[in-house]
Amino acid sequence: QEATISSTSRERVYIKHRKGFVKYAMQHGYSLTPCYSFGESSTFDNAQGAWEFRFWLNNLGLPAIVPFGHWLCPVMPKPKEIHLVVGKPMKLLQVD
């Protein structure tokens, strides 16, 4: 659904309610490193609106996106700067 809500005018993040990767990391003693890329959503335009219908299509497993990138070759991304921010690794408590 994150691809469906992407917009070039603002950064949007869709976080599902499932957090299984955190549980897995805690069970196996891994650390988690937070990261986020700014500007990635400006590499492709995506049609906006008709949200209920698009989310309904997503629930059926159909992608509800209409991406359009570079004007010369729309399947290629637009040449935009992307800034990747990586935080400090977070050591989690190990549980069984």
N, C-alpha and C. Protein backbone atom coordinates (compact mmCIF):
# COMPACT_ATOMS: atom_id res chain seq x y z
N GLN A 1 0.80 -1.20 0.00
CA GLN A 1 0.00 0.00 0.00
C GLN A 1 0.85 1.26 0.00
N GLU A 2 2.11 1.13 0.39
CA GLU A 2 2.96 2.33 0.39
C GLU A 2 3.12 2.89 -1.02
N ALA A 3 3.22 2.02 -2.02
CA ALA A 3 3.34 2.49 -3.41
C ALA A 3 2.06 3.22 -3.83
N THR A 4 0.91 2.77 -3.36
CA THR A 4 -0.36 3.39 -3.71
C THR A 4 -0.45 4.82 -3.18
N ILE A 5 0.03 5.06 -1.96
CA ILE A 5 -0.12 6.38 -1.35
C ILE A 5 1.06 7.30 -1.64
N SER A 6 2.05 6.84 -2.41
CA SER A 6 3.22 7.69 -2.68
C SER A 6 2.81 8.94 -3.46
N SER A 7 3.48 10.03 -3.14
CA SER A 7 3.18 11.31 -3.76
C SER A 7 4.47 12.10 -3.88
N THR A 8 4.62 12.84 -4.96
CA THR A 8 5.82 13.66 -5.14
C THR A 8 5.77 14.93 -4.30
N SER A 9 4.60 15.30 -3.81
CA SER A 9 4.47 16.55 -3.07
C SER A 9 4.74 16.41 -1.57
N ARG A 10 4.78 15.16 -1.05
CA ARG A 10 5.05 14.96 0.38
C ARG A 10 5.56 13.56 0.63
N GLU A 11 6.29 13.42 1.72
CA GLU A 11 6.79 12.10 2.12
C GLU A 11 5.68 11.39 2.89
N ARG A 12 5.33 10.19 2.46
CA ARG A 12 4.31 9.40 3.15
C ARG A 12 4.90 8.03 3.44
N VAL A 13 4.60 7.53 4.62
CA VAL A 13 5.08 6.20 5.01
C VAL A 13 3.89 5.38 5.48
N TYR A 14 3.79 4.16 5.00
CA TYR A 14 2.74 3.25 5.44
C TYR A 14 3.41 2.15 6.25
N ILE A 15 3.05 2.07 7.51
CA ILE A 15 3.63 1.04 8.38
C ILE A 15 2.53 0.07 8.75
N LYS A 16 2.71 -1.18 8.38
CA LYS A 16 1.72 -2.18 8.70
C LYS A 16 1.74 -2.47 10.20
N HIS A 17 0.68 -3.08 10.68
CA HIS A 17 0.59 -3.39 12.10
C HIS A 17 1.44 -4.60 12.47
N ARG A 18 1.91 -5.33 11.49
CA ARG A 18 2.75 -6.49 11.77
C ARG A 18 4.17 -6.03 12.09
N LYS A 19 4.72 -6.56 13.16
CA LYS A 19 6.08 -6.21 13.57
C LYS A 19 6.89 -7.47 13.81
N GLY A 20 6.70 -8.48 12.98
CA GLY A 20 7.37 -9.76 13.15
C GLY A 20 8.88 -9.68 13.07
N PHE A 21 9.40 -8.75 12.30
CA PHE A 21 10.86 -8.65 12.17
C PHE A 21 11.50 -8.21 13.47
N VAL A 22 10.78 -7.41 14.28
CA VAL A 22 11.32 -6.99 15.57
C VAL A 22 11.35 -8.19 16.52
N LYS A 23 10.30 -8.95 16.52
CA LYS A 23 10.24 -10.15 17.37
C LYS A 23 11.35 -11.13 16.97
N TYR A 24 11.54 -11.31 15.69
CA TYR A 24 12.59 -12.20 15.18
C TYR A 24 13.97 -11.70 15.63
N ALA A 25 14.20 -10.39 15.52
CA ALA A 25 15.49 -9.82 15.94
C ALA A 25 15.71 -10.01 17.43
N MET A 26 14.67 -9.87 18.23
CA MET A 26 14.80 -10.06 19.68
C MET A 26 15.07 -11.52 20.03
N GLN A 27 14.45 -12.43 19.31
CA GLN A 27 14.65 -13.85 19.58
C GLN A 27 16.06 -14.31 19.24
N HIS A 28 16.67 -13.69 18.24
CA HIS A 28 17.97 -14.14 17.77
C HIS A 28 19.12 -13.20 18.15
N GLY A 29 18.83 -12.14 18.92
CA GLY A 29 19.87 -11.26 19.40
C GLY A 29 20.45 -10.30 18.38
N TYR A 30 19.67 -9.97 17.36
CA TYR A 30 20.14 -9.03 16.34
C TYR A 30 19.89 -7.59 16.77
N SER A 31 20.63 -6.66 16.18
CA SER A 31 20.34 -5.24 16.37
C SER A 31 19.53 -4.76 15.17
N LEU A 32 18.81 -3.67 15.38
CA LEU A 32 18.05 -3.05 14.29
C LEU A 32 18.65 -1.67 14.02
N THR A 33 18.83 -1.36 12.74
CA THR A 33 19.37 -0.07 12.35
C THR A 33 18.28 0.72 11.61
N PRO A 34 17.81 1.83 12.20
CA PRO A 34 16.78 2.62 11.52
C PRO A 34 17.37 3.36 10.32
N CYS A 35 16.63 3.39 9.22
CA CYS A 35 17.07 4.15 8.05
C CYS A 35 15.85 4.64 7.28
N TYR A 36 16.04 5.74 6.56
CA TYR A 36 14.97 6.31 5.75
C TYR A 36 15.60 7.06 4.58
N SER A 37 15.01 6.92 3.41
CA SER A 37 15.52 7.65 2.25
C SER A 37 14.55 8.78 1.90
N PHE A 38 15.06 10.00 1.90
CA PHE A 38 14.28 11.18 1.55
C PHE A 38 14.46 11.45 0.06
N GLY A 39 13.36 11.73 -0.63
CA GLY A 39 13.42 12.07 -2.04
C GLY A 39 13.10 10.91 -2.97
N GLU A 40 12.99 9.72 -2.43
CA GLU A 40 12.69 8.56 -3.26
C GLU A 40 11.33 8.69 -3.93
N SER A 41 10.37 9.29 -3.24
CA SER A 41 9.02 9.42 -3.81
C SER A 41 8.97 10.43 -4.95
N SER A 42 10.02 11.23 -5.13
CA SER A 42 10.00 12.20 -6.24
C SER A 42 10.59 11.62 -7.53
N THR A 43 11.00 10.37 -7.51
CA THR A 43 11.57 9.76 -8.72
C THR A 43 10.50 9.29 -9.71
N PHE A 44 9.28 9.05 -9.21
CA PHE A 44 8.16 8.65 -10.07
C PHE A 44 6.92 9.43 -9.66
N ASP A 45 6.13 9.87 -10.65
CA ASP A 45 4.81 10.43 -10.37
C ASP A 45 3.85 9.27 -10.24
N ASN A 46 2.81 9.47 -9.45
CA ASN A 46 1.80 8.44 -9.25
C ASN A 46 0.44 9.12 -9.21
N ALA A 47 -0.53 8.59 -9.93
CA ALA A 47 -1.87 9.18 -9.93
C ALA A 47 -2.40 9.22 -8.51
N GLN A 48 -3.09 10.30 -8.16
CA GLN A 48 -3.64 10.48 -6.82
C GLN A 48 -5.17 10.39 -6.88
N GLY A 49 -5.77 10.05 -5.75
CA GLY A 49 -7.23 10.02 -5.65
C GLY A 49 -7.79 8.62 -5.77
N ALA A 50 -9.12 8.52 -5.69
CA ALA A 50 -9.87 7.25 -5.73
C ALA A 50 -9.31 6.26 -4.71
N TRP A 51 -9.06 6.75 -3.49
CA TRP A 51 -8.35 5.96 -2.48
C TRP A 51 -9.10 4.69 -2.10
N GLU A 52 -10.40 4.78 -1.85
CA GLU A 52 -11.14 3.58 -1.44
C GLU A 52 -11.03 2.48 -2.48
N PHE A 53 -11.20 2.83 -3.74
CA PHE A 53 -11.11 1.85 -4.83
C PHE A 53 -9.70 1.28 -4.92
N ARG A 54 -8.70 2.13 -4.79
CA ARG A 54 -7.31 1.67 -4.91
C ARG A 54 -6.93 0.76 -3.75
N PHE A 55 -7.39 1.09 -2.53
CA PHE A 55 -7.09 0.22 -1.39
C PHE A 55 -7.84 -1.11 -1.53
N TRP A 56 -9.04 -1.08 -2.11
CA TRP A 56 -9.79 -2.30 -2.37
C TRP A 56 -9.02 -3.20 -3.34
N LEU A 57 -8.46 -2.59 -4.41
CA LEU A 57 -7.64 -3.35 -5.35
C LEU A 57 -6.41 -3.93 -4.65
N ASN A 58 -5.78 -3.14 -3.77
CA ASN A 58 -4.63 -3.63 -3.02
C ASN A 58 -5.00 -4.85 -2.19
N ASN A 59 -6.16 -4.82 -1.55
CA ASN A 59 -6.60 -5.95 -0.74
C ASN A 59 -6.83 -7.21 -1.57
N LEU A 60 -7.12 -7.03 -2.85
CA LEU A 60 -7.27 -8.16 -3.76
C LEU A 60 -5.92 -8.65 -4.29
N GLY A 61 -4.86 -7.94 -3.92
CA GLY A 61 -3.52 -8.31 -4.39
C GLY A 61 -3.14 -7.67 -5.72
N LEU A 62 -3.93 -6.68 -6.15
CA LEU A 62 -3.64 -5.99 -7.41
C LEU A 62 -2.99 -4.64 -7.11
N PRO A 63 -1.87 -4.35 -7.72
CA PRO A 63 -1.24 -3.04 -7.47
C PRO A 63 -2.09 -1.93 -8.08
N ALA A 64 -2.36 -0.92 -7.28
CA ALA A 64 -3.21 0.20 -7.72
C ALA A 64 -2.35 1.44 -7.93
N ILE A 65 -1.32 1.30 -8.75
CA ILE A 65 -0.42 2.43 -8.99
C ILE A 65 -0.33 2.69 -10.49
N VAL A 66 -0.05 3.93 -10.82
CA VAL A 66 0.19 4.32 -12.20
C VAL A 66 1.46 5.16 -12.20
N PRO A 67 2.63 4.50 -12.16
CA PRO A 67 3.87 5.26 -12.07
C PRO A 67 4.28 5.86 -13.41
N PHE A 68 4.88 7.03 -13.37
CA PHE A 68 5.37 7.70 -14.57
C PHE A 68 6.66 8.40 -14.18
N GLY A 69 7.76 7.98 -14.77
CA GLY A 69 9.07 8.51 -14.41
C GLY A 69 9.58 9.57 -15.37
N HIS A 70 10.75 9.31 -15.93
CA HIS A 70 11.42 10.24 -16.83
C HIS A 70 10.57 10.47 -18.08
N TRP A 71 10.51 11.70 -18.56
CA TRP A 71 9.64 12.03 -19.69
C TRP A 71 10.03 11.28 -20.96
N LEU A 72 11.31 10.97 -21.14
CA LEU A 72 11.76 10.30 -22.34
C LEU A 72 11.48 8.80 -22.29
N CYS A 73 11.57 8.23 -21.10
CA CYS A 73 11.31 6.80 -20.91
C CYS A 73 10.59 6.65 -19.57
N PRO A 74 9.26 6.64 -19.57
CA PRO A 74 8.48 6.69 -18.34
C PRO A 74 8.74 5.56 -17.34
N VAL A 75 9.31 4.43 -17.79
CA VAL A 75 9.57 3.34 -16.86
C VAL A 75 10.88 3.55 -16.09
N MET A 76 11.66 4.54 -16.49
CA MET A 76 12.90 4.88 -15.78
C MET A 76 12.63 6.01 -14.79
N PRO A 77 13.30 6.01 -13.65
CA PRO A 77 13.06 7.07 -12.66
C PRO A 77 13.57 8.43 -13.14
N LYS A 78 12.96 9.48 -12.61
CA LYS A 78 13.44 10.83 -12.89
C LYS A 78 14.78 11.03 -12.19
N PRO A 79 15.68 11.82 -12.76
CA PRO A 79 16.97 12.05 -12.11
C PRO A 79 16.83 13.02 -10.94
N LYS A 80 16.60 12.50 -9.75
CA LYS A 80 16.42 13.30 -8.54
C LYS A 80 17.42 12.84 -7.49
N GLU A 81 17.75 13.75 -6.58
CA GLU A 81 18.65 13.39 -5.48
C GLU A 81 17.88 12.61 -4.43
N ILE A 82 18.50 11.58 -3.90
CA ILE A 82 17.93 10.79 -2.82
C ILE A 82 18.92 10.84 -1.67
N HIS A 83 18.42 11.19 -0.49
CA HIS A 83 19.27 11.28 0.70
C HIS A 83 18.90 10.14 1.64
N LEU A 84 19.86 9.29 1.92
CA LEU A 84 19.66 8.17 2.82
C LEU A 84 20.20 8.53 4.19
N VAL A 85 19.35 8.43 5.20
CA VAL A 85 19.74 8.72 6.58
C VAL A 85 19.74 7.39 7.33
N VAL A 86 20.87 7.09 7.96
CA VAL A 86 21.01 5.84 8.70
C VAL A 86 21.31 6.18 10.15
N GLY A 87 20.50 5.64 11.06
CA GLY A 87 20.69 5.90 12.48
C GLY A 87 21.66 4.92 13.10
N LYS A 88 21.86 5.07 14.40
CA LYS A 88 22.73 4.17 15.13
C LYS A 88 22.02 2.84 15.34
N PRO A 89 22.75 1.73 15.25
CA PRO A 89 22.11 0.43 15.50
C PRO A 89 21.54 0.37 16.93
N MET A 90 20.36 -0.22 17.04
CA MET A 90 19.73 -0.36 18.34
C MET A 90 19.87 -1.82 18.79
N LYS A 91 20.56 -2.04 19.86
CA LYS A 91 20.71 -3.39 20.41
C LYS A 91 19.45 -3.72 21.19
N LEU A 92 18.82 -4.82 20.85
CA LEU A 92 17.58 -5.21 21.49
C LEU A 92 17.83 -6.26 22.58
N LEU A 93 16.94 -6.31 23.53
CA LEU A 93 17.01 -7.36 24.54
C LEU A 93 16.73 -8.70 23.88
N GLN A 94 17.47 -9.72 24.27
CA GLN A 94 17.23 -11.04 23.69
C GLN A 94 16.19 -11.78 24.52
N VAL A 95 15.19 -12.30 23.87
CA VAL A 95 14.12 -13.06 24.54
C VAL A 95 14.03 -14.43 23.90
N ASP A 96 13.39 -15.32 24.59
CA ASP A 96 13.21 -16.70 24.05
C ASP A 96 11.87 -16.87 23.41
